[in-house]
Amino acid sequence: MSINDTDIAFVHDMFDPLGRITTRKMMGGLSIYCNGTIFSMLDREGTLYLKAKGPFADEIAAAGARQFGVETGDKMAYWTLPDTANYDPDAVLIWGQKALDAL
């Protein structure tokens, strides 16, 4: 599966209340920016990830999120939404704002 216009519309539906959302297709996925800052990505299978490190990474992990790829130690990493968010628009927006606040 590759990123299409429906995927991009989904991202805007989820995150537009946070600010000016822009996207860029990269390596089969989609990088997601808010006001010029990358804070999320969507992979080719449709999994949404949030950028996190430090206390926010600890918080999202404790909520049941899974890290993308391998452990990165102190470096920035991407995490799935917690299962409890279940793509609920309000929950996704809250977690998206937390990701931005942590950057």
PDB file of N, CA and C in Angstrom:
ATOM      1  N   MET A   1       0.832  -1.177   0.000  1.00  0.00           N
ATOM      2  CA  MET A   1       0.000   0.000   0.000  1.00  0.00           C
ATOM      3  C   MET A   1       0.879   1.245   0.000  1.00  0.00           C
ATOM      4  N   SER A   2       0.480   2.255  -0.729  1.00  0.00           N
ATOM      5  CA  SER A   2       1.225   3.503  -0.712  1.00  0.00           C
ATOM      6  C   SER A   2       0.294   4.631  -0.262  1.00  0.00           C
ATOM      7  N   ILE A   3       0.889   5.716   0.136  1.00  0.00           N
ATOM      8  CA  ILE A   3       0.143   6.873   0.626  1.00  0.00           C
ATOM      9  C   ILE A   3      -0.667   7.465  -0.527  1.00  0.00           C
ATOM     10  N   ASN A   4      -1.935   7.775  -0.238  1.00  0.00           N
ATOM     11  CA  ASN A   4      -2.785   8.369  -1.268  1.00  0.00           C
ATOM     12  C   ASN A   4      -3.514   9.589  -0.697  1.00  0.00           C
ATOM     13  N   ASP A   5      -4.355  10.199  -1.519  1.00  0.00           N
ATOM     14  CA  ASP A   5      -5.063  11.410  -1.099  1.00  0.00           C
ATOM     15  C   ASP A   5      -5.984  11.161   0.094  1.00  0.00           C
ATOM     16  N   THR A   6      -6.537   9.968   0.200  1.00  0.00           N
ATOM     17  CA  THR A   6      -7.400   9.634   1.341  1.00  0.00           C
ATOM     18  C   THR A   6      -6.590   9.643   2.634  1.00  0.00           C
ATOM     19  N   ASP A   7      -5.368   9.110   2.592  1.00  0.00           N
ATOM     20  CA  ASP A   7      -4.490   9.116   3.767  1.00  0.00           C
ATOM     21  C   ASP A   7      -4.158  10.548   4.190  1.00  0.00           C
ATOM     22  N   ILE A   8      -3.867  11.387   3.218  1.00  0.00           N
ATOM     23  CA  ILE A   8      -3.526  12.778   3.510  1.00  0.00           C
ATOM     24  C   ILE A   8      -4.736  13.506   4.094  1.00  0.00           C
ATOM     25  N   ALA A   9      -5.923  13.249   3.566  1.00  0.00           N
ATOM     26  CA  ALA A   9      -7.149  13.851   4.109  1.00  0.00           C
ATOM     27  C   ALA A   9      -7.375  13.383   5.551  1.00  0.00           C
ATOM     28  N   PHE A  10      -7.094  12.113   5.836  1.00  0.00           N
ATOM     29  CA  PHE A  10      -7.212  11.566   7.198  1.00  0.00           C
ATOM     30  C   PHE A  10      -6.317  12.341   8.161  1.00  0.00           C
ATOM     31  N   VAL A  11      -5.079  12.578   7.752  1.00  0.00           N
ATOM     32  CA  VAL A  11      -4.124  13.310   8.593  1.00  0.00           C
ATOM     33  C   VAL A  11      -4.654  14.714   8.888  1.00  0.00           C
ATOM     34  N   HIS A  12      -5.169  15.370   7.877  1.00  0.00           N
ATOM     35  CA  HIS A  12      -5.718  16.713   8.083  1.00  0.00           C
ATOM     36  C   HIS A  12      -6.946  16.670   8.991  1.00  0.00           C
ATOM     37  N   ASP A  13      -7.795  15.678   8.813  1.00  0.00           N
ATOM     38  CA  ASP A  13      -8.966  15.541   9.692  1.00  0.00           C
ATOM     39  C   ASP A  13      -8.538  15.395  11.146  1.00  0.00           C
ATOM     40  N   MET A  14      -7.481  14.636  11.378  1.00  0.00           N
ATOM     41  CA  MET A  14      -7.024  14.385  12.740  1.00  0.00           C
ATOM     42  C   MET A  14      -6.322  15.597  13.357  1.00  0.00           C
ATOM     43  N   PHE A  15      -5.464  16.257  12.590  1.00  0.00           N
ATOM     44  CA  PHE A  15      -4.535  17.213  13.176  1.00  0.00           C
ATOM     45  C   PHE A  15      -4.747  18.687  12.824  1.00  0.00           C
ATOM     46  N   ASP A  16      -5.612  19.044  11.902  1.00  0.00           N
ATOM     47  CA  ASP A  16      -5.775  20.449  11.528  1.00  0.00           C
ATOM     48  C   ASP A  16      -6.044  21.383  12.712  1.00  0.00           C
ATOM     49  N   PRO A  17      -6.767  20.947  13.757  1.00  0.00           N
ATOM     50  CA  PRO A  17      -6.979  21.865  14.882  1.00  0.00           C
ATOM     51  C   PRO A  17      -5.684  22.267  15.611  1.00  0.00           C
ATOM     52  N   LEU A  18      -4.586  21.549  15.389  1.00  0.00           N
ATOM     53  CA  LEU A  18      -3.329  21.847  16.078  1.00  0.00           C
ATOM     54  C   LEU A  18      -2.578  23.029  15.482  1.00  0.00           C
ATOM     55  N   GLY A  19      -2.845  23.337  14.224  1.00  0.00           N
ATOM     56  CA  GLY A  19      -2.115  24.404  13.542  1.00  0.00           C
ATOM     57  C   GLY A  19      -2.048  24.126  12.057  1.00  0.00           C
ATOM     58  N   ARG A  20      -1.086  24.760  11.379  1.00  0.00           N
ATOM     59  CA  ARG A  20      -0.940  24.576   9.925  1.00  0.00           C
ATOM     60  C   ARG A  20      -0.265  23.228   9.666  1.00  0.00           C
ATOM     61  N   ILE A  21      -1.050  22.273   9.196  1.00  0.00           N
ATOM     62  CA  ILE A  21      -0.545  20.920   8.936  1.00  0.00           C
ATOM     63  C   ILE A  21      -0.114  20.809   7.480  1.00  0.00           C
ATOM     64  N   THR A  22       1.112  20.348   7.289  1.00  0.00           N
ATOM     65  CA  THR A  22       1.622  20.040   5.958  1.00  0.00           C
ATOM     66  C   THR A  22       2.180  18.625   5.988  1.00  0.00           C
ATOM     67  N   THR A  23       2.302  18.031   4.825  1.00  0.00           N
ATOM     68  CA  THR A  23       2.790  16.658   4.739  1.00  0.00           C
ATOM     69  C   THR A  23       3.812  16.542   3.619  1.00  0.00           C
ATOM     70  N   ARG A  24       4.606  15.480   3.712  1.00  0.00           N
ATOM     71  CA  ARG A  24       5.580  15.179   2.674  1.00  0.00           C
ATOM     72  C   ARG A  24       5.724  13.671   2.578  1.00  0.00           C
ATOM     73  N   LYS A  25       5.549  13.147   1.376  1.00  0.00           N
ATOM     74  CA  LYS A  25       5.744  11.724   1.167  1.00  0.00           C
ATOM     75  C   LYS A  25       7.233  11.420   1.232  1.00  0.00           C
ATOM     76  N   MET A  26       7.576  10.391   2.041  1.00  0.00           N
ATOM     77  CA  MET A  26       8.981  10.015   2.200  1.00  0.00           C
ATOM     78  C   MET A  26       9.077   8.511   2.421  1.00  0.00           C
ATOM     79  N   MET A  27       9.915   7.839   1.679  1.00  0.00           N
ATOM     80  CA  MET A  27      10.215   6.417   1.849  1.00  0.00           C
ATOM     81  C   MET A  27       8.956   5.561   1.980  1.00  0.00           C
ATOM     82  N   GLY A  28       7.959   5.835   1.174  1.00  0.00           N
ATOM     83  CA  GLY A  28       6.728   5.045   1.180  1.00  0.00           C
ATOM     84  C   GLY A  28       5.733   5.468   2.232  1.00  0.00           C
ATOM     85  N   GLY A  29       6.113   6.383   3.110  1.00  0.00           N
ATOM     86  CA  GLY A  29       5.229   6.857   4.163  1.00  0.00           C
ATOM     87  C   GLY A  29       4.962   8.341   4.014  1.00  0.00           C
ATOM     88  N   LEU A  30       4.491   8.944   5.078  1.00  0.00           N
ATOM     89  CA  LEU A  30       4.128  10.350   5.052  1.00  0.00           C
ATOM     90  C   LEU A  30       4.668  11.030   6.313  1.00  0.00           C
ATOM     91  N   SER A  31       5.463  12.060   6.132  1.00  0.00           N
ATOM     92  CA  SER A  31       5.917  12.881   7.253  1.00  0.00           C
ATOM     93  C   SER A  31       4.867  13.956   7.485  1.00  0.00           C
ATOM     94  N   ILE A  32       4.574  14.229   8.761  1.00  0.00           N
ATOM     95  CA  ILE A  32       3.513  15.168   9.107  1.00  0.00           C
ATOM     96  C   ILE A  32       4.112  16.299   9.935  1.00  0.00           C
ATOM     97  N   TYR A  33       3.866  17.526   9.504  1.00  0.00           N
ATOM     98  CA  TYR A  33       4.414  18.717  10.133  1.00  0.00           C
ATOM     99  C   TYR A  33       3.287  19.592  10.664  1.00  0.00           C
ATOM    100  N   CYS A  34       3.547  20.258  11.780  1.00  0.00           N
ATOM    101  CA  CYS A  34       2.642  21.273  12.295  1.00  0.00           C
ATOM    102  C   CYS A  34       3.432  22.569  12.417  1.00  0.00           C
ATOM    103  N   ASN A  35       2.985  23.577  11.701  1.00  0.00           N
ATOM    104  CA  ASN A  35       3.688  24.868  11.692  1.00  0.00           C
ATOM    105  C   ASN A  35       5.175  24.693  11.396  1.00  0.00           C
ATOM    106  N   GLY A  36       5.482  23.772  10.473  1.00  0.00           N
ATOM    107  CA  GLY A  36       6.849  23.547  10.015  1.00  0.00           C
ATOM    108  C   GLY A  36       7.669  22.567  10.824  1.00  0.00           C
ATOM    109  N   THR A  37       7.127  22.039  11.917  1.00  0.00           N
ATOM    110  CA  THR A  37       7.850  21.097  12.767  1.00  0.00           C
ATOM    111  C   THR A  37       7.312  19.688  12.572  1.00  0.00           C
ATOM    112  N   ILE A  38       8.195  18.757  12.233  1.00  0.00           N
ATOM    113  CA  ILE A  38       7.752  17.375  12.074  1.00  0.00           C
ATOM    114  C   ILE A  38       7.447  16.799  13.459  1.00  0.00           C
ATOM    115  N   PHE A  39       6.268  16.196  13.583  1.00  0.00           N
ATOM    116  CA  PHE A  39       5.883  15.633  14.878  1.00  0.00           C
ATOM    117  C   PHE A  39       5.219  14.269  14.758  1.00  0.00           C
ATOM    118  N   SER A  40       4.976  13.834  13.529  1.00  0.00           N
ATOM    119  CA  SER A  40       4.252  12.581  13.337  1.00  0.00           C
ATOM    120  C   SER A  40       4.606  11.997  11.982  1.00  0.00           C
ATOM    121  N   MET A  41       4.253  10.730  11.805  1.00  0.00           N
ATOM    122  CA  MET A  41       4.387  10.105  10.494  1.00  0.00           C
ATOM    123  C   MET A  41       3.322   9.028  10.345  1.00  0.00           C
ATOM    124  N   LEU A  42       3.017   8.736   9.115  1.00  0.00           N
ATOM    125  CA  LEU A  42       2.068   7.688   8.768  1.00  0.00           C
ATOM    126  C   LEU A  42       2.821   6.706   7.886  1.00  0.00           C
ATOM    127  N   ASP A  43       2.842   5.416   8.261  1.00  0.00           N
ATOM    128  CA  ASP A  43       3.565   4.454   7.425  1.00  0.00           C
ATOM    129  C   ASP A  43       2.661   3.950   6.303  1.00  0.00           C
ATOM    130  N   ARG A  44       3.245   3.197   5.402  1.00  0.00           N
ATOM    131  CA  ARG A  44       2.505   2.744   4.220  1.00  0.00           C
ATOM    132  C   ARG A  44       1.359   1.799   4.548  1.00  0.00           C
ATOM    133  N   GLU A  45       1.354   1.229   5.769  1.00  0.00           N
ATOM    134  CA  GLU A  45       0.253   0.359   6.185  1.00  0.00           C
ATOM    135  C   GLU A  45      -0.861   1.145   6.876  1.00  0.00           C
ATOM    136  N   GLY A  46      -0.656   2.454   7.064  1.00  0.00           N
ATOM    137  CA  GLY A  46      -1.674   3.289   7.684  1.00  0.00           C
ATOM    138  C   GLY A  46      -1.532   3.452   9.183  1.00  0.00           C
ATOM    139  N   THR A  47      -0.388   3.041   9.744  1.00  0.00           N
ATOM    140  CA  THR A  47      -0.155   3.218  11.178  1.00  0.00           C
ATOM    141  C   THR A  47       0.365   4.625  11.425  1.00  0.00           C
ATOM    142  N   LEU A  48      -0.259   5.312  12.362  1.00  0.00           N
ATOM    143  CA  LEU A  48       0.128   6.663  12.729  1.00  0.00           C
ATOM    144  C   LEU A  48       1.109   6.604  13.899  1.00  0.00           C
ATOM    145  N   TYR A  49       2.190   7.376  13.799  1.00  0.00           N
ATOM    146  CA  TYR A  49       3.218   7.438  14.831  1.00  0.00           C
ATOM    147  C   TYR A  49       3.402   8.883  15.269  1.00  0.00           C
ATOM    148  N   LEU A  50       3.774   9.071  16.535  1.00  0.00           N
ATOM    149  CA  LEU A  50       4.097  10.388  17.068  1.00  0.00           C
ATOM    150  C   LEU A  50       5.555  10.421  17.488  1.00  0.00           C
ATOM    151  N   LYS A  51       6.200  11.547  17.282  1.00  0.00           N
ATOM    152  CA  LYS A  51       7.589  11.742  17.666  1.00  0.00           C
ATOM    153  C   LYS A  51       7.656  11.939  19.180  1.00  0.00           C
ATOM    154  N   ALA A  52       8.561  11.242  19.834  1.00  0.00           N
ATOM    155  CA  ALA A  52       8.653  11.349  21.300  1.00  0.00           C
ATOM    156  C   ALA A  52      10.038  10.997  21.798  1.00  0.00           C
ATOM    157  N   LYS A  53      10.427  11.648  22.883  1.00  0.00           N
ATOM    158  CA  LYS A  53      11.648  11.294  23.614  1.00  0.00           C
ATOM    159  C   LYS A  53      11.455  11.734  25.055  1.00  0.00           C
ATOM    160  N   GLY A  54      12.341  11.273  25.917  1.00  0.00           N
ATOM    161  CA  GLY A  54      12.314  11.688  27.316  1.00  0.00           C
ATOM    162  C   GLY A  54      10.997  11.392  28.014  1.00  0.00           C
ATOM    163  N   PRO A  55      10.514  12.331  28.823  1.00  0.00           N
ATOM    164  CA  PRO A  55       9.298  12.098  29.606  1.00  0.00           C
ATOM    165  C   PRO A  55       8.066  11.772  28.750  1.00  0.00           C
ATOM    166  N   PHE A  56       7.956  12.407  27.574  1.00  0.00           N
ATOM    167  CA  PHE A  56       6.801  12.091  26.736  1.00  0.00           C
ATOM    168  C   PHE A  56       6.882  10.662  26.205  1.00  0.00           C
ATOM    169  N   ALA A  57       8.076  10.201  25.850  1.00  0.00           N
ATOM    170  CA  ALA A  57       8.238   8.811  25.417  1.00  0.00           C
ATOM    171  C   ALA A  57       7.853   7.863  26.539  1.00  0.00           C
ATOM    172  N   ASP A  58       8.251   8.200  27.757  1.00  0.00           N
ATOM    173  CA  ASP A  58       7.876   7.377  28.914  1.00  0.00           C
ATOM    174  C   ASP A  58       6.364   7.351  29.098  1.00  0.00           C
ATOM    175  N   GLU A  59       5.726   8.519  28.948  1.00  0.00           N
ATOM    176  CA  GLU A  59       4.273   8.608  29.121  1.00  0.00           C
ATOM    177  C   GLU A  59       3.516   7.805  28.061  1.00  0.00           C
ATOM    178  N   ILE A  60       3.921   7.949  26.815  1.00  0.00           N
ATOM    179  CA  ILE A  60       3.198   7.258  25.745  1.00  0.00           C
ATOM    180  C   ILE A  60       3.454   5.749  25.808  1.00  0.00           C
ATOM    181  N   ALA A  61       4.653   5.359  26.212  1.00  0.00           N
ATOM    182  CA  ALA A  61       4.950   3.934  26.386  1.00  0.00           C
ATOM    183  C   ALA A  61       4.112   3.348  27.517  1.00  0.00           C
ATOM    184  N   ALA A  62       3.997   4.081  28.622  1.00  0.00           N
ATOM    185  CA  ALA A  62       3.206   3.610  29.763  1.00  0.00           C
ATOM    186  C   ALA A  62       1.730   3.474  29.400  1.00  0.00           C
ATOM    187  N   ALA A  63       1.294   4.247  28.394  1.00  0.00           N
ATOM    188  CA  ALA A  63      -0.100   4.181  27.955  1.00  0.00           C
ATOM    189  C   ALA A  63      -0.335   3.038  26.957  1.00  0.00           C
ATOM    190  N   GLY A  64       0.740   2.323  26.602  1.00  0.00           N
ATOM    191  CA  GLY A  64       0.597   1.153  25.733  1.00  0.00           C
ATOM    192  C   GLY A  64       1.064   1.335  24.305  1.00  0.00           C
ATOM    193  N   ALA A  65       1.719   2.461  24.002  1.00  0.00           N
ATOM    194  CA  ALA A  65       2.233   2.669  22.645  1.00  0.00           C
ATOM    195  C   ALA A  65       3.449   1.787  22.405  1.00  0.00           C
ATOM    196  N   ARG A  66       3.732   1.538  21.131  1.00  0.00           N
ATOM    197  CA  ARG A  66       4.894   0.741  20.751  1.00  0.00           C
ATOM    198  C   ARG A  66       5.845   1.594  19.916  1.00  0.00           C
ATOM    199  N   GLN A  67       7.133   1.433  20.167  1.00  0.00           N
ATOM    200  CA  GLN A  67       8.142   2.211  19.448  1.00  0.00           C
ATOM    201  C   GLN A  67       8.330   1.672  18.040  1.00  0.00           C
ATOM    202  N   PHE A  68       8.501   2.572  17.096  1.00  0.00           N
ATOM    203  CA  PHE A  68       8.784   2.232  15.706  1.00  0.00           C
ATOM    204  C   PHE A  68      10.243   1.836  15.585  1.00  0.00           C
ATOM    205  N   GLY A  69      10.500   0.712  14.945  1.00  0.00           N
ATOM    206  CA  GLY A  69      11.873   0.297  14.695  1.00  0.00           C
ATOM    207  C   GLY A  69      12.587  -0.153  15.950  1.00  0.00           C
ATOM    208  N   VAL A  70      13.877   0.079  15.961  1.00  0.00           N
ATOM    209  CA  VAL A  70      14.720  -0.383  17.068  1.00  0.00           C
ATOM    210  C   VAL A  70      14.821   0.677  18.158  1.00  0.00           C
ATOM    211  N   GLU A  71      15.243   0.248  19.342  1.00  0.00           N
ATOM    212  CA  GLU A  71      15.493   1.179  20.434  1.00  0.00           C
ATOM    213  C   GLU A  71      16.520   2.219  19.970  1.00  0.00           C
ATOM    214  N   THR A  72      16.262   3.472  20.262  1.00  0.00           N
ATOM    215  CA  THR A  72      17.177   4.522  19.827  1.00  0.00           C
ATOM    216  C   THR A  72      17.872   5.212  20.987  1.00  0.00           C
ATOM    217  N   GLY A  73      17.681   4.714  22.179  1.00  0.00           N
ATOM    218  CA  GLY A  73      18.342   5.338  23.327  1.00  0.00           C
ATOM    219  C   GLY A  73      17.852   6.751  23.534  1.00  0.00           C
ATOM    220  N   ASP A  74      18.765   7.711  23.521  1.00  0.00           N
ATOM    221  CA  ASP A  74      18.441   9.097  23.794  1.00  0.00           C
ATOM    222  C   ASP A  74      17.925   9.845  22.571  1.00  0.00           C
ATOM    223  N   LYS A  75      17.999   9.237  21.396  1.00  0.00           N
ATOM    224  CA  LYS A  75      17.595   9.910  20.166  1.00  0.00           C
ATOM    225  C   LYS A  75      16.075   9.953  20.045  1.00  0.00           C
ATOM    226  N   MET A  76      15.617  10.841  19.204  1.00  0.00           N
ATOM    227  CA  MET A  76      14.201  10.981  18.925  1.00  0.00           C
ATOM    228  C   MET A  76      13.677   9.677  18.329  1.00  0.00           C
ATOM    229  N   ALA A  77      12.505   9.276  18.730  1.00  0.00           N
ATOM    230  CA  ALA A  77      11.899   8.047  18.225  1.00  0.00           C
ATOM    231  C   ALA A  77      10.430   8.298  17.921  1.00  0.00           C
ATOM    232  N   TYR A  78       9.837   7.393  17.211  1.00  0.00           N
ATOM    233  CA  TYR A  78       8.418   7.474  16.887  1.00  0.00           C
ATOM    234  C   TYR A  78       7.681   6.342  17.576  1.00  0.00           C
ATOM    235  N   TRP A  79       6.479   6.638  18.049  1.00  0.00           N
ATOM    236  CA  TRP A  79       5.670   5.691  18.797  1.00  0.00           C
ATOM    237  C   TRP A  79       4.265   5.641  18.213  1.00  0.00           C
ATOM    238  N   THR A  80       3.668   4.457  18.225  1.00  0.00           N
ATOM    239  CA  THR A  80       2.269   4.338  17.824  1.00  0.00           C
ATOM    240  C   THR A  80       1.407   5.095  18.822  1.00  0.00           C
ATOM    241  N   LEU A  81       0.181   5.327  18.449  1.00  0.00           N
ATOM    242  CA  LEU A  81      -0.779   5.833  19.423  1.00  0.00           C
ATOM    243  C   LEU A  81      -1.052   4.720  20.425  1.00  0.00           C
ATOM    244  N   PRO A  82      -1.340   5.069  21.661  1.00  0.00           N
ATOM    245  CA  PRO A  82      -1.749   4.024  22.604  1.00  0.00           C
ATOM    246  C   PRO A  82      -3.027   3.347  22.100  1.00  0.00           C
ATOM    247  N   ASP A  83      -3.176   2.067  22.382  1.00  0.00           N
ATOM    248  CA  ASP A  83      -4.365   1.342  21.935  1.00  0.00           C
ATOM    249  C   ASP A  83      -5.646   2.002  22.423  1.00  0.00           C
ATOM    250  N   THR A  84      -5.593   2.633  23.581  1.00  0.00           N
ATOM    251  CA  THR A  84      -6.795   3.273  24.130  1.00  0.00           C
ATOM    252  C   THR A  84      -7.256   4.449  23.278  1.00  0.00           C
ATOM    253  N   ALA A  85      -6.357   5.041  22.483  1.00  0.00           N
ATOM    254  CA  ALA A  85      -6.754   6.146  21.600  1.00  0.00           C
ATOM    255  C   ALA A  85      -7.637   5.635  20.474  1.00  0.00           C
ATOM    256  N   ASN A  86      -7.334   4.420  19.983  1.00  0.00           N
ATOM    257  CA  ASN A  86      -8.170   3.733  18.995  1.00  0.00           C
ATOM    258  C   ASN A  86      -8.676   4.646  17.883  1.00  0.00           C
ATOM    259  N   TYR A  87      -7.833   5.569  17.468  1.00  0.00           N
ATOM    260  CA  TYR A  87      -8.162   6.523  16.414  1.00  0.00           C
ATOM    261  C   TYR A  87      -9.406   7.349  16.715  1.00  0.00           C
ATOM    262  N   ASP A  88      -9.711   7.495  17.999  1.00  0.00           N
ATOM    263  CA  ASP A  88     -10.746   8.418  18.424  1.00  0.00           C
ATOM    264  C   ASP A  88     -10.221   9.829  18.152  1.00  0.00           C
ATOM    265  N   PRO A  89     -10.926  10.639  17.369  1.00  0.00           N
ATOM    266  CA  PRO A  89     -10.395  11.956  16.989  1.00  0.00           C
ATOM    267  C   PRO A  89      -9.980  12.823  18.176  1.00  0.00           C
ATOM    268  N   ASP A  90     -10.745  12.817  19.245  1.00  0.00           N
ATOM    269  CA  ASP A  90     -10.382  13.628  20.405  1.00  0.00           C
ATOM    270  C   ASP A  90      -9.099  13.122  21.057  1.00  0.00           C
ATOM    271  N   ALA A  91      -8.967  11.817  21.188  1.00  0.00           N
ATOM    272  CA  ALA A  91      -7.771  11.234  21.795  1.00  0.00           C
ATOM    273  C   ALA A  91      -6.548  11.462  20.911  1.00  0.00           C
ATOM    274  N   VAL A  92      -6.706  11.311  19.609  1.00  0.00           N
ATOM    275  CA  VAL A  92      -5.588  11.539  18.692  1.00  0.00           C
ATOM    276  C   VAL A  92      -5.119  12.982  18.788  1.00  0.00           C
ATOM    277  N   LEU A  93      -6.054  13.901  18.861  1.00  0.00           N
ATOM    278  CA  LEU A  93      -5.716  15.316  18.974  1.00  0.00           C
ATOM    279  C   LEU A  93      -4.962  15.606  20.277  1.00  0.00           C
ATOM    280  N   ILE A  94      -5.413  15.024  21.365  1.00  0.00           N
ATOM    281  CA  ILE A  94      -4.735  15.207  22.658  1.00  0.00           C
ATOM    282  C   ILE A  94      -3.307  14.682  22.593  1.00  0.00           C
ATOM    283  N   TRP A  95      -3.126  13.463  22.061  1.00  0.00           N
ATOM    284  CA  TRP A  95      -1.779  12.895  21.972  1.00  0.00           C
ATOM    285  C   TRP A  95      -0.913  13.690  20.991  1.00  0.00           C
ATOM    286  N   GLY A  96      -1.510  14.173  19.895  1.00  0.00           N
ATOM    287  CA  GLY A  96      -0.756  14.998  18.952  1.00  0.00           C
ATOM    288  C   GLY A  96      -0.267  16.278  19.607  1.00  0.00           C
ATOM    289  N   GLN A  97      -1.120  16.915  20.402  1.00  0.00           N
ATOM    290  CA  GLN A  97      -0.710  18.146  21.095  1.00  0.00           C
ATOM    291  C   GLN A  97       0.396  17.852  22.109  1.00  0.00           C
ATOM    292  N   LYS A  98       0.287  16.724  22.788  1.00  0.00           N
ATOM    293  CA  LYS A  98       1.343  16.338  23.738  1.00  0.00           C
ATOM    294  C   LYS A  98       2.668  16.144  23.005  1.00  0.00           C
ATOM    295  N   ALA A  99       2.623  15.537  21.826  1.00  0.00           N
ATOM    296  CA  ALA A  99       3.852  15.341  21.047  1.00  0.00           C
ATOM    297  C   ALA A  99       4.469  16.689  20.678  1.00  0.00           C
ATOM    298  N   LEU A 100       3.648  17.610  20.234  1.00  0.00           N
ATOM    299  CA  LEU A 100       4.159  18.939  19.881  1.00  0.00           C
ATOM    300  C   LEU A 100       4.720  19.670  21.097  1.00  0.00           C
ATOM    301  N   ASP A 101       4.009  19.589  22.209  1.00  0.00           N
ATOM    302  CA  ASP A 101       4.466  20.259  23.433  1.00  0.00           C
ATOM    303  C   ASP A 101       5.810  19.724  23.905  1.00  0.00           C
ATOM    304  N   ALA A 102       6.097  18.457  23.610  1.00  0.00           N
ATOM    305  CA  ALA A 102       7.334  17.829  24.084  1.00  0.00           C
ATOM    306  C   ALA A 102       8.533  18.136  23.187  1.00  0.00           C
ATOM    307  N   LEU A 103       8.298  18.697  22.018  1.00  0.00           N
ATOM    308  CA  LEU A 103       9.419  18.982  21.100  1.00  0.00           C
ATOM    309  C   LEU A 103      10.154  20.241  21.478  1.00  0.00           C
TER     310      LEU A 103
END
